[in-house]
Amino acid sequence: YRNLAVYWNSEGDLVKGNEYTQKALALDPKDP
């Protein structure tokens, strides 16, 4: 999910990037 967020943020799609970031956080909210 983090790497999908990086992909979409690199493409300039911050909305999609944020969606994947939130999914990563939901799976492991304390992971540094």
All heavy atoms as atom14 arrays in JSON, in Angstrom:
{
  "sequence": "YRNLAVYWNSEGDLVKGNEYTQKALALDPKDP",
  "atom14_mask": [
    [1, 1, 1, 1, 1, 1, 1, 1, 1, 1, 1, 1, 0, 0],
    [1, 1, 1, 1, 1, 1, 1, 1, 1, 1, 1, 0, 0, 0],
    [1, 1, 1, 1, 1, 1, 1, 1, 0, 0, 0, 0, 0, 0],
    [1, 1, 1, 1, 1, 1, 1, 1, 0, 0, 0, 0, 0, 0],
    [1, 1, 1, 1, 1, 0, 0, 0, 0, 0, 0, 0, 0, 0],
    [1, 1, 1, 1, 1, 1, 1, 0, 0, 0, 0, 0, 0, 0],
    [1, 1, 1, 1, 1, 1, 1, 1, 1, 1, 1, 1, 0, 0],
    [1, 1, 1, 1, 1, 1, 1, 1, 1, 1, 1, 1, 1, 1],
    [1, 1, 1, 1, 1, 1, 1, 1, 0, 0, 0, 0, 0, 0],
    [1, 1, 1, 1, 1, 1, 0, 0, 0, 0, 0, 0, 0, 0],
    [1, 1, 1, 1, 1, 1, 1, 1, 1, 0, 0, 0, 0, 0],
    [1, 1, 1, 1, 0, 0, 0, 0, 0, 0, 0, 0, 0, 0],
    [1, 1, 1, 1, 1, 1, 1, 1, 0, 0, 0, 0, 0, 0],
    [1, 1, 1, 1, 1, 1, 1, 1, 0, 0, 0, 0, 0, 0],
    [1, 1, 1, 1, 1, 1, 1, 0, 0, 0, 0, 0, 0, 0],
    [1, 1, 1, 1, 1, 1, 1, 1, 1, 0, 0, 0, 0, 0],
    [1, 1, 1, 1, 0, 0, 0, 0, 0, 0, 0, 0, 0, 0],
    [1, 1, 1, 1, 1, 1, 1, 1, 0, 0, 0, 0, 0, 0],
    [1, 1, 1, 1, 1, 1, 1, 1, 1, 0, 0, 0, 0, 0],
    [1, 1, 1, 1, 1, 1, 1, 1, 1, 1, 1, 1, 0, 0],
    [1, 1, 1, 1, 1, 1, 1, 0, 0, 0, 0, 0, 0, 0],
    [1, 1, 1, 1, 1, 1, 1, 1, 1, 0, 0, 0, 0, 0],
    [1, 1, 1, 1, 1, 1, 1, 1, 1, 0, 0, 0, 0, 0],
    [1, 1, 1, 1, 1, 0, 0, 0, 0, 0, 0, 0, 0, 0],
    [1, 1, 1, 1, 1, 1, 1, 1, 0, 0, 0, 0, 0, 0],
    [1, 1, 1, 1, 1, 0, 0, 0, 0, 0, 0, 0, 0, 0],
    [1, 1, 1, 1, 1, 1, 1, 1, 0, 0, 0, 0, 0, 0],
    [1, 1, 1, 1, 1, 1, 1, 1, 0, 0, 0, 0, 0, 0],
    [1, 1, 1, 1, 1, 1, 1, 0, 0, 0, 0, 0, 0, 0],
    [1, 1, 1, 1, 1, 1, 1, 1, 1, 0, 0, 0, 0, 0],
    [1, 1, 1, 1, 1, 1, 1, 1, 0, 0, 0, 0, 0, 0],
    [1, 1, 1, 1, 1, 1, 1, 0, 0, 0, 0, 0, 0, 0]
  ],
  "atom14_positions": [
    [[0.83, -1.21, 0.0], [0.0, 0.0, 0.0], [0.87, 1.26, 0.0], [0.57, 2.23, -0.69], [-0.95, 0.02, 1.2], [-2.17, -0.86, 1.04], [-2.6, -1.66, 2.08], [-2.91, -0.87, -0.14], [-3.73, -2.45, 1.96], [-4.03, -1.67, -0.28], [-4.45, -2.45, 0.78], [-5.58, -3.23, 0.65], [0.0, 0.0, 0.0], [0.0, 0.0, 0.0]],
    [[1.95, 1.25, 0.78], [2.86, 2.4, 0.79], [3.45, 2.64, -0.59], [3.55, 3.77, -1.06], [4.0, 2.2, 1.78], [3.66, 2.53, 3.2], [4.9, 2.73, 4.06], [5.93, 1.74, 3.92], [6.1, 0.69, 4.72], [5.28, 0.47, 5.73], [7.11, -0.13, 4.53], [0.0, 0.0, 0.0], [0.0, 0.0, 0.0], [0.0, 0.0, 0.0]],
    [[3.86, 1.58, -1.25], [4.46, 1.73, -2.58], [3.43, 2.17, -3.62], [3.76, 2.91, -4.54], [5.18, 0.45, -3.0], [6.52, 0.35, -2.33], [7.29, 1.29, -2.35], [6.79, -0.77, -1.71], [0.0, 0.0, 0.0], [0.0, 0.0, 0.0], [0.0, 0.0, 0.0], [0.0, 0.0, 0.0], [0.0, 0.0, 0.0], [0.0, 0.0, 0.0]],
    [[2.2, 1.74, -3.46], [1.14, 2.25, -4.33], [0.92, 3.75, -4.07], [0.69, 4.52, -5.0], [-0.15, 1.46, -4.13], [-0.16, 0.08, -4.78], [-1.29, -0.78, -4.23], [-0.25, 0.19, -6.29], [0.0, 0.0, 0.0], [0.0, 0.0, 0.0], [0.0, 0.0, 0.0], [0.0, 0.0, 0.0], [0.0, 0.0, 0.0], [0.0, 0.0, 0.0]],
    [[1.01, 4.15, -2.81], [0.89, 5.57, -2.47], [2.02, 6.37, -3.1], [1.8, 7.46, -3.66], [0.88, 5.76, -0.95], [0.0, 0.0, 0.0], [0.0, 0.0, 0.0], [0.0, 0.0, 0.0], [0.0, 0.0, 0.0], [0.0, 0.0, 0.0], [0.0, 0.0, 0.0], [0.0, 0.0, 0.0], [0.0, 0.0, 0.0], [0.0, 0.0, 0.0]],
    [[3.24, 5.84, -3.05], [4.38, 6.51, -3.67], [4.15, 6.63, -5.17], [4.39, 7.69, -5.76], [5.69, 5.74, -3.38], [6.84, 6.25, -4.25], [6.06, 5.83, -1.91], [0.0, 0.0, 0.0], [0.0, 0.0, 0.0], [0.0, 0.0, 0.0], [0.0, 0.0, 0.0], [0.0, 0.0, 0.0], [0.0, 0.0, 0.0], [0.0, 0.0, 0.0]],
    [[3.69, 5.57, -5.78], [3.44, 5.6, -7.23], [2.47, 6.74, -7.57], [2.75, 7.56, -8.44], [2.86, 4.26, -7.69], [2.55, 4.24, -9.18], [3.5, 3.84, -10.1], [1.31, 4.66, -9.65], [3.23, 3.84, -11.46], [1.03, 4.67, -11.01], [1.98, 4.26, -11.9], [1.72, 4.26, -13.25], [0.0, 0.0, 0.0], [0.0, 0.0, 0.0]],
    [[1.31, 6.77, -6.89], [0.3, 7.76, -7.25], [0.72, 9.17, -6.88], [0.39, 10.12, -7.6], [-1.05, 7.38, -6.65], [-1.62, 6.22, -7.41], [-1.8, 4.94, -6.97], [-2.02, 6.22, -8.78], [-2.29, 4.15, -7.98], [-2.43, 4.92, -9.1], [-2.06, 7.19, -9.77], [-2.9, 4.57, -10.37], [-2.53, 6.84, -11.03], [-2.94, 5.54, -11.31]],
    [[1.43, 9.34, -5.78], [1.94, 10.67, -5.45], [2.97, 11.13, -6.47], [3.01, 12.3, -6.82], [2.5, 10.7, -4.02], [1.41, 10.9, -3.01], [0.91, 12.0, -2.84], [1.02, 9.83, -2.34], [0.0, 0.0, 0.0], [0.0, 0.0, 0.0], [0.0, 0.0, 0.0], [0.0, 0.0, 0.0], [0.0, 0.0, 0.0], [0.0, 0.0, 0.0]],
    [[3.79, 10.2, -6.95], [4.77, 10.54, -7.99], [4.08, 10.93, -9.29], [4.6, 11.73, -10.06], [5.7, 9.35, -8.25], [6.45, 9.08, -7.1], [0.0, 0.0, 0.0], [0.0, 0.0, 0.0], [0.0, 0.0, 0.0], [0.0, 0.0, 0.0], [0.0, 0.0, 0.0], [0.0, 0.0, 0.0], [0.0, 0.0, 0.0], [0.0, 0.0, 0.0]],
    [[2.91, 10.38, -9.51], [2.12, 10.72, -10.7], [1.32, 12.0, -10.49], [0.61, 12.44, -11.4], [1.16, 9.57, -11.05], [1.86, 8.31, -11.52], [2.55, 8.52, -12.85], [1.93, 9.06, -13.78], [3.74, 8.16, -12.95], [0.0, 0.0, 0.0], [0.0, 0.0, 0.0], [0.0, 0.0, 0.0], [0.0, 0.0, 0.0], [0.0, 0.0, 0.0]],
    [[1.38, 12.57, -9.28], [0.66, 13.81, -9.0], [-0.78, 13.62, -8.57], [-1.53, 14.59, -8.44], [0.0, 0.0, 0.0], [0.0, 0.0, 0.0], [0.0, 0.0, 0.0], [0.0, 0.0, 0.0], [0.0, 0.0, 0.0], [0.0, 0.0, 0.0], [0.0, 0.0, 0.0], [0.0, 0.0, 0.0], [0.0, 0.0, 0.0], [0.0, 0.0, 0.0]],
    [[-1.19, 12.38, -8.32], [-2.56, 12.11, -7.88], [-2.55, 11.96, -6.35], [-2.46, 10.86, -5.82], [-3.09, 10.84, -8.54], [-4.59, 10.64, -8.33], [-5.13, 11.16, -7.33], [-5.21, 9.96, -9.16], [0.0, 0.0, 0.0], [0.0, 0.0, 0.0], [0.0, 0.0, 0.0], [0.0, 0.0, 0.0], [0.0, 0.0, 0.0], [0.0, 0.0, 0.0]],
    [[-2.63, 13.11, -5.66], [-2.55, 13.1, -4.2], [-3.74, 12.42, -3.55], [-3.61, 11.84, -2.47], [-2.4, 14.53, -3.68], [-1.16, 15.28, -4.14], [-1.13, 16.69, -3.55], [0.11, 14.54, -3.78], [0.0, 0.0, 0.0], [0.0, 0.0, 0.0], [0.0, 0.0, 0.0], [0.0, 0.0, 0.0], [0.0, 0.0, 0.0], [0.0, 0.0, 0.0]],
    [[-4.9, 12.45, -4.19], [-6.09, 11.81, -3.63], [-5.89, 10.29, -3.58], [-6.08, 9.66, -2.54], [-7.36, 12.19, -4.43], [-8.56, 11.38, -3.97], [-7.63, 13.68, -4.3], [0.0, 0.0, 0.0], [0.0, 0.0, 0.0], [0.0, 0.0, 0.0], [0.0, 0.0, 0.0], [0.0, 0.0, 0.0], [0.0, 0.0, 0.0], [0.0, 0.0, 0.0]],
    [[-5.48, 9.72, -4.71], [-5.24, 8.28, -4.76], [-4.08, 7.9, -3.85], [-4.11, 6.87, -3.17], [-4.96, 7.83, -6.18], [-5.75, 6.63, -6.6], [-5.47, 6.29, -8.04], [-6.71, 5.67, -8.6], [-6.58, 5.28, -9.98], [0.0, 0.0, 0.0], [0.0, 0.0, 0.0], [0.0, 0.0, 0.0], [0.0, 0.0, 0.0], [0.0, 0.0, 0.0]],
    [[-3.03, 8.73, -3.84], [-1.9, 8.48, -2.96], [-2.33, 8.46, -1.51], [-1.9, 7.6, -0.73], [0.0, 0.0, 0.0], [0.0, 0.0, 0.0], [0.0, 0.0, 0.0], [0.0, 0.0, 0.0], [0.0, 0.0, 0.0], [0.0, 0.0, 0.0], [0.0, 0.0, 0.0], [0.0, 0.0, 0.0], [0.0, 0.0, 0.0], [0.0, 0.0, 0.0]],
    [[-3.19, 9.39, -1.12], [-3.68, 9.43, 0.25], [-4.54, 8.21, 0.58], [-4.46, 7.68, 1.69], [-4.47, 10.71, 0.51], [-4.9, 10.82, 1.96], [-4.09, 10.76, 2.87], [-6.2, 10.94, 2.17], [0.0, 0.0, 0.0], [0.0, 0.0, 0.0], [0.0, 0.0, 0.0], [0.0, 0.0, 0.0], [0.0, 0.0, 0.0], [0.0, 0.0, 0.0]],
    [[-5.33, 7.75, -0.37], [-6.15, 6.55, -0.14], [-5.27, 5.35, 0.23], [-5.55, 4.62, 1.18], [-6.98, 6.22, -1.38], [-8.12, 7.17, -1.63], [-8.82, 6.87, -2.95], [-8.65, 5.77, -3.51], [-9.52, 7.78, -3.43], [0.0, 0.0, 0.0], [0.0, 0.0, 0.0], [0.0, 0.0, 0.0], [0.0, 0.0, 0.0], [0.0, 0.0, 0.0]],
    [[-4.2, 5.17, -0.54], [-3.31, 4.04, -0.26], [-2.51, 4.25, 1.03], [-2.25, 3.3, 1.76], [-2.38, 3.78, -1.45], [-3.08, 3.07, -2.58], [-3.27, 3.69, -3.81], [-3.57, 1.78, -2.42], [-3.92, 3.03, -4.84], [-4.22, 1.12, -3.44], [-4.39, 1.75, -4.64], [-5.04, 1.09, -5.66], [0.0, 0.0, 0.0], [0.0, 0.0, 0.0]],
    [[-2.16, 5.49, 1.32], [-1.47, 5.77, 2.58], [-2.37, 5.42, 3.75], [-1.92, 4.81, 4.73], [-1.08, 7.27, 2.64], [-0.22, 7.56, 1.55], [-0.36, 7.59, 3.94], [0.0, 0.0, 0.0], [0.0, 0.0, 0.0], [0.0, 0.0, 0.0], [0.0, 0.0, 0.0], [0.0, 0.0, 0.0], [0.0, 0.0, 0.0], [0.0, 0.0, 0.0]],
    [[-3.63, 5.78, 3.65], [-4.58, 5.48, 4.73], [-4.79, 3.97, 4.89], [-4.94, 3.48, 6.01], [-5.92, 6.19, 4.5], [-5.82, 7.71, 4.54], [-5.16, 8.22, 5.81], [-5.46, 7.79, 6.92], [-4.22, 9.14, 5.65], [0.0, 0.0, 0.0], [0.0, 0.0, 0.0], [0.0, 0.0, 0.0], [0.0, 0.0, 0.0], [0.0, 0.0, 0.0]],
    [[-4.76, 3.24, 3.79], [-4.88, 1.78, 3.87], [-3.67, 1.18, 4.58], [-3.81, 0.24, 5.37], [-5.05, 1.17, 2.48], [-6.41, 1.45, 1.89], [-6.55, 0.83, 0.5], [-7.93, 1.12, -0.06], [-8.17, 0.42, -1.32], [0.0, 0.0, 0.0], [0.0, 0.0, 0.0], [0.0, 0.0, 0.0], [0.0, 0.0, 0.0], [0.0, 0.0, 0.0]],
    [[-2.48, 1.7, 4.29], [-1.26, 1.23, 4.97], [-1.35, 1.53, 6.46], [-1.05, 0.67, 7.29], [-0.02, 1.87, 4.36], [0.0, 0.0, 0.0], [0.0, 0.0, 0.0], [0.0, 0.0, 0.0], [0.0, 0.0, 0.0], [0.0, 0.0, 0.0], [0.0, 0.0, 0.0], [0.0, 0.0, 0.0], [0.0, 0.0, 0.0], [0.0, 0.0, 0.0]],
    [[-1.78, 2.72, 6.8], [-1.92, 3.1, 8.21], [-2.98, 2.25, 8.91], [-2.81, 1.9, 10.08], [-2.28, 4.58, 8.33], [-1.14, 5.55, 8.14], [-1.67, 6.98, 8.0], [-0.14, 5.47, 9.27], [0.0, 0.0, 0.0], [0.0, 0.0, 0.0], [0.0, 0.0, 0.0], [0.0, 0.0, 0.0], [0.0, 0.0, 0.0], [0.0, 0.0, 0.0]],
    [[-4.05, 1.92, 8.21], [-5.1, 1.1, 8.82], [-4.58, -0.3, 9.15], [-4.95, -0.87, 10.18], [-6.3, 1.0, 7.87], [0.0, 0.0, 0.0], [0.0, 0.0, 0.0], [0.0, 0.0, 0.0], [0.0, 0.0, 0.0], [0.0, 0.0, 0.0], [0.0, 0.0, 0.0], [0.0, 0.0, 0.0], [0.0, 0.0, 0.0], [0.0, 0.0, 0.0]],
    [[-3.7, -0.83, 8.3], [-3.14, -2.16, 8.56], [-2.15, -2.14, 9.72], [-2.08, -3.09, 10.49], [-2.44, -2.72, 7.32], [-3.33, -3.29, 6.25], [-2.49, -3.73, 5.06], [-4.15, -4.46, 6.77], [0.0, 0.0, 0.0], [0.0, 0.0, 0.0], [0.0, 0.0, 0.0], [0.0, 0.0, 0.0], [0.0, 0.0, 0.0], [0.0, 0.0, 0.0]],
    [[-1.35, -1.07, 9.81], [-0.33, -0.99, 10.86], [-0.13, 0.48, 11.25], [0.8, 1.13, 10.78], [0.98, -1.6, 10.35], [1.94, -1.92, 11.49], [1.69, -1.49, 12.64], [2.94, -2.58, 11.22], [0.0, 0.0, 0.0], [0.0, 0.0, 0.0], [0.0, 0.0, 0.0], [0.0, 0.0, 0.0], [0.0, 0.0, 0.0], [0.0, 0.0, 0.0]],
    [[-1.01, 1.0, 12.12], [-0.99, 2.43, 12.43], [0.22, 2.9, 13.24], [0.48, 4.09, 13.31], [-2.28, 2.64, 13.23], [-2.66, 1.3, 13.74], [-2.1, 0.3, 12.77], [0.0, 0.0, 0.0], [0.0, 0.0, 0.0], [0.0, 0.0, 0.0], [0.0, 0.0, 0.0], [0.0, 0.0, 0.0], [0.0, 0.0, 0.0], [0.0, 0.0, 0.0]],
    [[0.97, 2.0, 13.83], [2.13, 2.39, 14.63], [3.45, 2.16, 13.92], [4.5, 2.49, 14.46], [2.12, 1.66, 15.97], [0.95, 2.08, 16.84], [0.98, 1.42, 18.18], [-0.22, 1.87, 19.0], [-0.21, 1.31, 20.33], [0.0, 0.0, 0.0], [0.0, 0.0, 0.0], [0.0, 0.0, 0.0], [0.0, 0.0, 0.0], [0.0, 0.0, 0.0]],
    [[3.41, 1.59, 12.72], [4.64, 1.34, 11.98], [5.3, 2.67, 11.64], [4.69, 3.53, 11.01], [4.33, 0.56, 10.7], [5.58, 0.32, 9.89], [6.34, -0.6, 10.21], [5.79, 1.08, 8.91], [0.0, 0.0, 0.0], [0.0, 0.0, 0.0], [0.0, 0.0, 0.0], [0.0, 0.0, 0.0], [0.0, 0.0, 0.0], [0.0, 0.0, 0.0]],
    [[6.54, 2.86, 12.06], [7.21, 4.15, 11.82], [7.31, 4.52, 10.34], [7.18, 5.69, 9.99], [8.6, 3.96, 12.43], [8.47, 2.83, 13.37], [7.37, 1.95, 12.84], [0.0, 0.0, 0.0], [0.0, 0.0, 0.0], [0.0, 0.0, 0.0], [0.0, 0.0, 0.0], [0.0, 0.0, 0.0], [0.0, 0.0, 0.0], [0.0, 0.0, 0.0]]
  ]
}
